[in-house]
Amino acid sequence: MRVKHGFAVALAGAGIGALVLNGPAAAAAGGGWTETSTGQVALMSVAQPSPSVTLIGGTEITTDPDTGAVGFTPRLLQRDTAAGGGWQQLPIQGGDAWNSRINDIATAPDGSAFFVGDQRTGGGALVGRYAGGAWRATEDGGLPAGTVDASLLSVSALSWWDAWAVGQGYEKESGAAIPVVEHWDGRRWTSVQIPGSAHWSVNQVDEVAPDDVWVVGVDEDDGQSLAVHWDGHAWTRTATPLFPDSAVLFDVVARTPDDVWAVGWSRDTDKQRPAGLALHWDGAAWSQVPLPAGTFGLQGLALQPHGAVVVIGGNDDAAVGLRWTPAAGWQSLGLPENDPQLPLGVGAVASSGSHLTVAGWHYVSSDGGDSFAHGVILTR
């Protein structure tokens, strides 16, 4: 991420709260990985604003012992290796009033930062901003009129006055899906309508410059993946590879205007086990980058120096972690699978130089489906 060290310094003195980790604070894992349990804090996103500071967003899952109702409280974790500390919880002013998750975090070069989450009953979606040495949770008023059950899934920012967020909601009366695209101008979030997007699902946004913004997801009309570009004046849908059945993109990251990566999954036949999908934009067209045989759907990616990229995902057998370099192609990250009784799932990855942080979870698999066991942070 394109950020300055000043943001990390400011965070380090921002009134850090108590540890939220349950169980061992750090357990050795295979392949050079260190595994840290976060207990009932499920993790959704990772950001590394500097080589020493890592932020992770998610939600603390609670169950009412009387009613069995499940609740979600937004949580932020931070580790600053320069200060020699472990993972700690950051206070969020107003955060405990929300039954929501933090789905994504973005940091900007001027030291500002944002997070996004889910819609409050009868109101806007959760948005958070870092300013004046503190994180504050507020209500976004930019959802399209009549939107219910909306979730902002992704946020990307260049500065305090320029950020984008995307997600999904539903029309109150018909139940039809509504794509949510919003822009922050330093004062408010405003809904943006992309022409032709009525039946899209949008999952991720990446802003390279004010005139260089990517949004990816799926076109629900034909089931094919979509990648849309904003050039400062107009939105243009760029052609992505077509598949006989369907495809979807979950993440997109741009290194330069002619070096952009996107990941997701594709199907060639109905009910086929989804196959991992990696695409690269060279400034003129998207091309598919072949993955190792058997790679399951991919959820996240991060850029590394010298043209390298790491991707993560998973299936019902094992988590997927791969690194691609121009010279060697794809190689395994060797994600640890330490306990066959508690398989590993992964959902987000961030890179600072050669150092990686992966946000994931362990789960219990049964004939009745999978159930969450505890959150986990993997670092290497």
Protein backbone atom coordinates (compact mmCIF):
# COMPACT_ATOMS: atom_id res chain seq x y z
CA MET A 1 0.00 0.00 0.00
CA ARG A 2 1.24 3.49 -0.81
CA VAL A 3 1.63 5.01 2.67
CA LYS A 4 4.08 7.03 4.69
CA HIS A 5 5.69 6.01 7.95
CA GLY A 6 3.95 8.89 9.73
CA PHE A 7 0.72 6.90 9.86
CA ALA A 8 2.47 4.05 11.68
CA VAL A 9 4.01 6.41 14.23
CA ALA A 10 0.63 7.99 14.92
CA LEU A 11 -1.02 4.62 15.40
CA ALA A 12 1.66 3.47 17.83
CA GLY A 13 0.62 6.18 20.29
CA ALA A 14 -3.13 5.92 19.80
CA GLY A 15 -4.31 4.61 23.14
CA ILE A 16 -4.01 0.88 22.57
CA GLY A 17 -6.47 -1.28 24.46
CA ALA A 18 -6.25 -4.67 26.11
CA LEU A 19 -5.13 -7.83 24.38
CA VAL A 20 -7.93 -9.79 22.75
CA LEU A 21 -5.98 -12.94 22.06
CA ASN A 22 -7.20 -16.17 23.56
CA GLY A 23 -5.04 -19.23 23.99
CA PRO A 24 -1.34 -19.10 23.20
CA ALA A 25 -0.20 -15.67 22.08
CA ALA A 26 2.07 -17.12 19.44
CA ALA A 27 2.54 -20.72 18.41
CA ALA A 28 5.20 -22.03 16.06
CA ALA A 29 3.88 -23.26 12.72
CA GLY A 30 5.46 -25.10 9.83
CA GLY A 31 7.27 -23.53 6.91
CA GLY A 32 8.57 -20.56 8.89
CA TRP A 33 5.06 -19.38 9.79
CA THR A 34 4.07 -18.12 13.25
CA GLU A 35 0.45 -18.72 14.22
CA THR A 36 -1.45 -16.52 16.69
CA SER A 37 -4.96 -17.31 17.88
CA THR A 38 -7.48 -14.46 18.19
CA GLY A 39 -10.18 -16.46 19.94
CA GLN A 40 -13.68 -15.38 18.97
CA VAL A 41 -12.40 -12.47 16.89
CA ALA A 42 -12.95 -13.49 13.26
CA LEU A 43 -10.63 -11.72 10.81
CA MET A 44 -11.64 -10.19 7.46
CA SER A 45 -8.88 -7.84 6.28
CA VAL A 46 -5.20 -6.96 6.65
CA ALA A 47 -3.29 -3.75 5.93
CA GLN A 48 0.39 -2.95 6.39
CA PRO A 49 0.85 0.84 6.43
CA SER A 50 4.59 0.50 7.14
CA PRO A 51 7.19 -2.27 7.35
CA SER A 52 6.69 -2.49 11.13
CA VAL A 53 2.95 -1.87 11.60
CA THR A 54 0.18 -4.29 10.63
CA LEU A 55 -3.56 -3.68 11.06
CA ILE A 56 -6.21 -6.40 11.01
CA GLY A 57 -9.95 -5.82 10.97
CA GLY A 58 -12.76 -8.22 11.84
CA THR A 59 -15.47 -8.88 14.37
CA GLU A 60 -15.84 -10.40 17.81
CA ILE A 61 -18.55 -13.09 17.74
CA THR A 62 -20.74 -13.39 20.82
CA THR A 63 -23.74 -15.58 21.64
CA ASP A 64 -26.46 -14.57 24.09
CA PRO A 65 -26.72 -17.46 26.59
CA ASP A 66 -30.46 -16.91 27.07
CA THR A 67 -31.69 -16.39 23.52
CA GLY A 68 -28.90 -17.92 21.46
CA ALA A 69 -28.75 -14.75 19.36
CA VAL A 70 -25.38 -14.21 17.70
CA GLY A 71 -23.86 -10.73 17.84
CA PHE A 72 -20.95 -9.07 16.04
CA THR A 73 -18.78 -6.27 17.43
CA PRO A 74 -16.26 -4.58 15.10
CA ARG A 75 -12.65 -5.05 16.17
CA LEU A 76 -9.25 -3.70 15.10
CA LEU A 77 -5.95 -5.35 15.97
CA GLN A 78 -2.48 -3.88 15.60
CA ARG A 79 1.09 -5.08 15.92
CA ASP A 80 4.14 -2.80 15.80
CA THR A 81 7.31 -4.86 15.54
CA ALA A 82 9.49 -1.75 15.85
CA ALA A 83 8.07 -1.25 19.34
CA GLY A 84 8.59 -4.91 20.18
CA GLY A 85 4.96 -5.51 20.96
CA GLY A 86 2.51 -8.30 20.20
CA TRP A 87 -1.00 -8.11 18.79
CA GLN A 88 -3.24 -5.68 20.65
CA GLN A 89 -6.76 -4.33 20.32
CA LEU A 90 -7.23 -0.73 19.21
CA PRO A 91 -10.15 1.26 20.67
CA ILE A 92 -12.85 2.33 18.22
CA GLN A 93 -14.91 5.27 19.41
CA GLY A 94 -18.57 4.32 18.95
CA GLY A 95 -17.70 0.83 17.74
CA ASP A 96 -19.49 -1.10 20.49
CA ALA A 97 -22.83 0.38 19.39
CA TRP A 98 -22.63 -1.54 16.10
CA ASN A 99 -23.70 -5.10 15.36
CA SER A 100 -21.32 -5.33 12.42
CA ARG A 101 -18.02 -6.53 11.03
CA ILE A 102 -15.02 -4.65 9.72
CA ASN A 103 -14.83 -6.06 6.21
CA ASP A 104 -11.89 -4.05 4.90
CA ILE A 105 -9.26 -1.47 5.88
CA ALA A 106 -7.45 1.10 3.73
CA THR A 107 -4.55 3.40 4.60
CA ALA A 108 -3.44 6.45 2.64
CA PRO A 109 -0.15 8.32 2.11
CA ASP A 110 -1.27 11.36 4.13
CA GLY A 111 -1.73 9.27 7.31
CA SER A 112 -5.50 8.90 7.06
CA ALA A 113 -7.21 5.51 7.14
CA PHE A 114 -10.68 4.05 6.67
CA PHE A 115 -12.62 0.87 7.40
CA VAL A 116 -16.03 -0.32 6.17
CA GLY A 117 -18.64 -2.77 7.44
CA ASP A 118 -22.31 -3.71 7.46
CA GLN A 119 -25.58 -1.77 7.48
CA ARG A 120 -27.28 -0.78 10.72
CA THR A 121 -30.99 -1.68 10.95
CA GLY A 122 -32.88 1.21 9.41
CA GLY A 123 -29.75 3.24 8.71
CA GLY A 124 -26.48 3.47 6.84
CA ALA A 125 -23.52 1.13 6.78
CA LEU A 126 -20.63 1.15 9.23
CA VAL A 127 -17.68 3.31 8.17
CA GLY A 128 -14.67 4.25 10.26
CA ARG A 129 -11.95 6.86 9.92
CA TYR A 130 -8.63 7.40 11.63
CA ALA A 131 -8.03 11.06 12.51
CA GLY A 132 -6.63 13.02 15.40
CA GLY A 133 -4.94 9.94 16.82
CA ALA A 134 -8.13 7.89 17.14
CA TRP A 135 -10.42 5.54 15.22
CA ARG A 136 -14.07 6.58 15.08
CA ALA A 137 -17.04 4.52 13.89
CA THR A 138 -19.76 6.47 12.12
CA GLU A 139 -22.81 5.83 9.95
CA ASP A 140 -22.53 6.09 6.18
CA GLY A 141 -25.46 7.94 4.66
CA GLY A 142 -24.57 7.23 1.05
CA LEU A 143 -26.42 3.97 0.44
CA PRO A 144 -28.86 3.96 -2.51
CA ALA A 145 -32.41 4.77 -1.42
CA GLY A 146 -34.38 1.71 -0.29
CA THR A 147 -31.30 -0.45 0.30
CA VAL A 148 -31.51 -3.05 3.08
CA ASP A 149 -29.05 -5.64 4.44
CA ALA A 150 -26.15 -3.87 2.75
CA SER A 151 -22.50 -4.64 3.39
CA LEU A 152 -19.59 -2.50 2.29
CA LEU A 153 -17.00 -5.13 1.37
CA SER A 154 -14.01 -3.09 0.24
CA VAL A 155 -12.46 0.35 0.66
CA SER A 156 -9.48 2.03 -1.03
CA ALA A 157 -8.10 5.49 -0.26
CA LEU A 158 -5.56 7.96 -1.62
CA SER A 159 -6.10 10.68 1.00
CA TRP A 160 -8.43 12.06 3.63
CA TRP A 161 -10.60 13.58 0.86
CA ASP A 162 -10.48 10.80 -1.73
CA ALA A 163 -11.66 7.23 -1.05
CA TRP A 164 -13.89 4.63 -2.67
CA ALA A 165 -16.01 1.85 -1.14
CA VAL A 166 -18.03 -0.93 -2.78
CA GLY A 167 -20.36 -3.66 -1.62
CA GLN A 168 -23.78 -5.17 -1.96
CA GLY A 169 -27.31 -4.60 -0.71
CA TYR A 170 -30.91 -5.53 -1.52
CA GLU A 171 -33.96 -3.58 -2.62
CA LYS A 172 -36.44 -3.46 0.23
CA GLU A 173 -39.60 -4.27 -1.71
CA SER A 174 -38.44 -6.70 -4.41
CA GLY A 175 -35.43 -8.26 -2.70
CA ALA A 176 -33.36 -7.67 -5.84
CA ALA A 177 -29.61 -7.29 -5.36
CA ILE A 178 -28.25 -3.73 -5.53
CA PRO A 179 -24.59 -2.96 -6.22
CA VAL A 180 -23.23 -0.31 -3.84
CA VAL A 181 -20.48 2.04 -5.04
CA GLU A 182 -19.61 5.11 -3.00
CA HIS A 183 -17.07 7.95 -3.06
CA TRP A 184 -15.73 9.93 -0.08
CA ASP A 185 -14.84 13.58 -0.80
CA GLY A 186 -13.56 14.55 2.66
CA ARG A 187 -17.03 15.49 3.96
CA ARG A 188 -19.47 12.72 3.09
CA TRP A 189 -19.99 9.39 1.32
CA THR A 190 -22.00 9.73 -1.90
CA SER A 191 -23.62 6.96 -3.91
CA VAL A 192 -22.20 6.53 -7.43
CA GLN A 193 -24.14 4.80 -10.18
CA ILE A 194 -22.05 2.92 -12.75
CA PRO A 195 -23.96 2.71 -16.06
CA GLY A 196 -25.21 -0.81 -16.77
CA SER A 197 -24.50 -2.06 -13.23
CA ALA A 198 -28.07 -2.81 -12.09
CA HIS A 199 -27.47 -6.57 -12.01
CA TRP A 200 -23.86 -6.62 -10.88
CA SER A 201 -22.35 -7.81 -7.61
CA VAL A 202 -19.23 -5.80 -6.79
CA ASN A 203 -16.67 -7.17 -4.35
CA GLN A 204 -13.47 -5.11 -4.42
CA VAL A 205 -12.13 -1.66 -5.32
CA ASP A 206 -8.55 -0.43 -5.76
CA GLU A 207 -7.73 3.24 -6.34
CA VAL A 208 -4.33 3.82 -7.94
CA ALA A 209 -4.96 7.52 -8.67
CA PRO A 210 -8.00 9.81 -8.88
CA ASP A 211 -8.26 8.89 -12.57
CA ASP A 212 -7.33 5.21 -12.17
CA VAL A 213 -9.82 3.11 -10.15
CA TRP A 214 -10.67 -0.58 -10.58
CA VAL A 215 -13.83 -2.38 -9.39
CA VAL A 216 -14.31 -6.16 -9.78
CA GLY A 217 -17.09 -8.66 -9.16
CA VAL A 218 -19.61 -10.60 -11.24
CA ASP A 219 -22.36 -9.80 -13.75
CA GLU A 220 -25.40 -11.65 -12.40
CA ASP A 221 -27.11 -11.57 -15.81
CA ASP A 222 -24.59 -13.87 -17.50
CA GLY A 223 -22.63 -15.17 -14.49
CA GLN A 224 -19.34 -13.90 -15.89
CA SER A 225 -16.64 -11.97 -14.07
CA LEU A 226 -16.42 -8.22 -14.47
CA ALA A 227 -13.66 -5.65 -14.16
CA VAL A 228 -14.61 -2.00 -14.49
CA HIS A 229 -12.27 0.97 -14.77
CA TRP A 230 -12.74 4.66 -13.88
CA ASP A 231 -10.49 7.06 -15.82
CA GLY A 232 -11.62 10.20 -14.03
CA HIS A 233 -14.42 10.86 -16.54
CA ALA A 234 -16.24 7.61 -17.32
CA TRP A 235 -16.57 3.97 -16.25
CA THR A 236 -15.54 1.35 -18.80
CA ARG A 237 -16.14 -2.39 -18.51
CA THR A 238 -13.05 -4.22 -19.71
CA ALA A 239 -13.38 -7.65 -21.29
CA THR A 240 -12.37 -10.58 -19.03
CA PRO A 241 -11.96 -14.20 -20.16
CA LEU A 242 -15.30 -16.01 -20.65
CA PHE A 243 -16.08 -19.46 -19.22
CA PRO A 244 -18.74 -21.97 -20.29
CA ASP A 245 -20.53 -21.77 -16.91
CA SER A 246 -19.50 -18.82 -14.72
CA ALA A 247 -16.73 -16.82 -13.07
CA VAL A 248 -16.35 -14.21 -10.31
CA LEU A 249 -13.56 -11.91 -9.12
CA PHE A 250 -13.07 -11.22 -5.39
CA ASP A 251 -9.94 -9.08 -5.24
CA VAL A 252 -7.98 -6.65 -7.40
CA VAL A 253 -4.66 -4.87 -6.77
CA ALA A 254 -2.82 -2.51 -9.12
CA ARG A 255 0.92 -1.92 -9.06
CA THR A 256 0.87 0.51 -12.01
CA PRO A 257 -1.71 1.35 -14.70
CA ASP A 258 -0.32 -1.50 -16.84
CA ASP A 259 0.31 -4.05 -14.08
CA VAL A 260 -2.94 -5.08 -12.38
CA TRP A 261 -3.88 -8.46 -10.85
CA ALA A 262 -7.32 -9.88 -10.03
CA VAL A 263 -8.32 -13.23 -8.50
CA GLY A 264 -11.44 -15.32 -8.00
CA TRP A 265 -12.81 -18.58 -9.39
CA SER A 266 -14.35 -20.02 -12.55
CA ARG A 267 -16.49 -22.97 -13.64
CA ASP A 268 -16.52 -24.73 -17.01
CA THR A 269 -19.55 -26.92 -16.25
CA ASP A 270 -22.60 -26.66 -14.01
CA LYS A 271 -21.92 -27.70 -10.39
CA GLN A 272 -18.25 -28.20 -11.17
CA ARG A 273 -15.88 -27.65 -8.27
CA PRO A 274 -14.74 -24.02 -8.71
CA ALA A 275 -11.23 -23.59 -10.07
CA GLY A 276 -8.90 -20.80 -9.01
CA LEU A 277 -8.76 -17.85 -11.38
CA ALA A 278 -5.88 -15.37 -11.69
CA LEU A 279 -5.97 -12.54 -14.24
CA HIS A 280 -3.39 -9.93 -15.25
CA TRP A 281 -3.98 -6.55 -16.94
CA ASP A 282 -1.11 -5.26 -19.07
CA GLY A 283 -2.62 -1.87 -19.85
CA ALA A 284 -4.56 -3.10 -22.86
CA ALA A 285 -6.23 -6.44 -22.02
CA TRP A 286 -6.85 -9.03 -19.33
CA SER A 287 -5.17 -12.42 -19.72
CA GLN A 288 -5.54 -15.56 -17.63
CA VAL A 289 -2.44 -16.66 -15.72
CA PRO A 290 -2.54 -20.49 -15.45
CA LEU A 291 -2.52 -21.81 -11.87
CA PRO A 292 -1.20 -25.16 -10.60
CA ALA A 293 -3.62 -28.00 -11.35
CA GLY A 294 -6.25 -28.45 -8.64
CA THR A 295 -6.04 -24.91 -7.25
CA PHE A 296 -9.37 -24.01 -5.66
CA GLY A 297 -11.02 -20.58 -5.67
CA LEU A 298 -8.88 -17.60 -4.65
CA GLN A 299 -10.02 -14.88 -2.25
CA GLY A 300 -7.18 -12.40 -1.85
CA LEU A 301 -3.86 -11.21 -3.21
CA ALA A 302 -0.96 -8.93 -2.38
CA LEU A 303 1.90 -7.47 -4.40
CA GLN A 304 5.57 -8.03 -3.58
CA PRO A 305 8.79 -6.45 -4.88
CA HIS A 306 10.28 -7.29 -8.28
CA GLY A 307 6.94 -8.09 -9.91
CA ALA A 308 5.98 -10.88 -7.49
CA VAL A 309 2.44 -11.53 -6.26
CA VAL A 310 0.98 -13.77 -3.53
CA VAL A 311 -2.54 -15.24 -3.62
CA ILE A 312 -4.62 -17.04 -0.99
CA GLY A 313 -7.87 -18.99 -0.96
CA GLY A 314 -9.11 -22.38 0.07
CA ASN A 315 -11.33 -25.38 -0.27
CA ASP A 316 -12.89 -28.09 1.85
CA ASP A 317 -9.55 -29.90 2.00
CA ALA A 318 -6.90 -27.26 2.70
CA ALA A 319 -6.08 -23.58 2.48
CA VAL A 320 -4.39 -22.29 -0.68
CA GLY A 321 -1.33 -20.04 -0.59
CA LEU A 322 0.85 -19.40 -3.66
CA ARG A 323 3.56 -16.96 -4.72
CA TRP A 324 4.22 -16.03 -8.36
CA THR A 325 7.43 -14.54 -9.70
CA PRO A 326 8.32 -13.73 -13.31
CA ALA A 327 11.27 -16.11 -13.15
CA ALA A 328 9.87 -19.12 -11.29
CA GLY A 329 6.10 -18.96 -11.81
CA TRP A 330 3.91 -20.34 -9.02
CA GLN A 331 5.34 -21.81 -5.81
CA SER A 332 3.58 -22.89 -2.60
CA LEU A 333 3.64 -20.63 0.47
CA GLY A 334 3.54 -23.71 2.67
CA LEU A 335 0.60 -22.53 4.79
CA PRO A 336 0.52 -24.61 7.99
CA GLU A 337 -2.09 -27.32 8.51
CA ASN A 338 -1.21 -28.27 12.08
CA ASP A 339 -4.45 -29.82 13.34
CA PRO A 340 -6.54 -32.15 11.16
CA GLN A 341 -9.43 -31.67 13.58
CA LEU A 342 -9.42 -27.91 12.95
CA PRO A 343 -8.79 -27.18 9.25
CA LEU A 344 -7.43 -23.78 8.21
CA GLY A 345 -9.32 -21.20 6.17
CA VAL A 346 -7.77 -17.96 4.91
CA GLY A 347 -9.37 -14.80 3.58
CA ALA A 348 -6.92 -11.88 3.41
CA VAL A 349 -3.19 -11.32 2.92
CA ALA A 350 -0.83 -8.33 3.11
CA SER A 351 2.83 -8.01 2.26
CA SER A 352 5.56 -5.64 3.38
CA GLY A 353 8.71 -6.48 1.48
CA SER A 354 9.24 -10.21 1.93
CA HIS A 355 7.14 -10.35 5.12
CA LEU A 356 3.61 -11.76 4.89
CA THR A 357 0.56 -11.56 7.15
CA VAL A 358 -2.45 -13.80 6.50
CA ALA A 359 -5.82 -13.43 8.26
CA GLY A 360 -7.72 -16.67 8.67
CA TRP A 361 -9.61 -18.99 10.94
CA HIS A 362 -9.81 -22.58 12.10
CA TYR A 363 -13.11 -24.37 11.71
CA VAL A 364 -14.83 -27.62 12.61
CA SER A 365 -16.01 -29.59 9.60
CA SER A 366 -18.97 -31.98 9.88
CA ASP A 367 -21.73 -33.50 7.76
CA GLY A 368 -23.92 -30.60 8.84
CA GLY A 369 -21.46 -28.01 7.53
CA ASP A 370 -18.53 -26.01 8.82
CA SER A 371 -18.57 -24.02 12.08
CA PHE A 372 -16.14 -21.34 13.26
CA ALA A 373 -13.63 -22.43 15.92
CA HIS A 374 -11.33 -19.43 16.35
CA GLY A 375 -9.57 -16.71 14.42
CA VAL A 376 -5.90 -16.99 13.50
CA ILE A 377 -3.12 -14.69 12.31
CA LEU A 378 -0.25 -16.22 10.31
CA THR A 379 2.98 -14.25 9.93
CA ARG A 380 6.21 -15.05 8.13
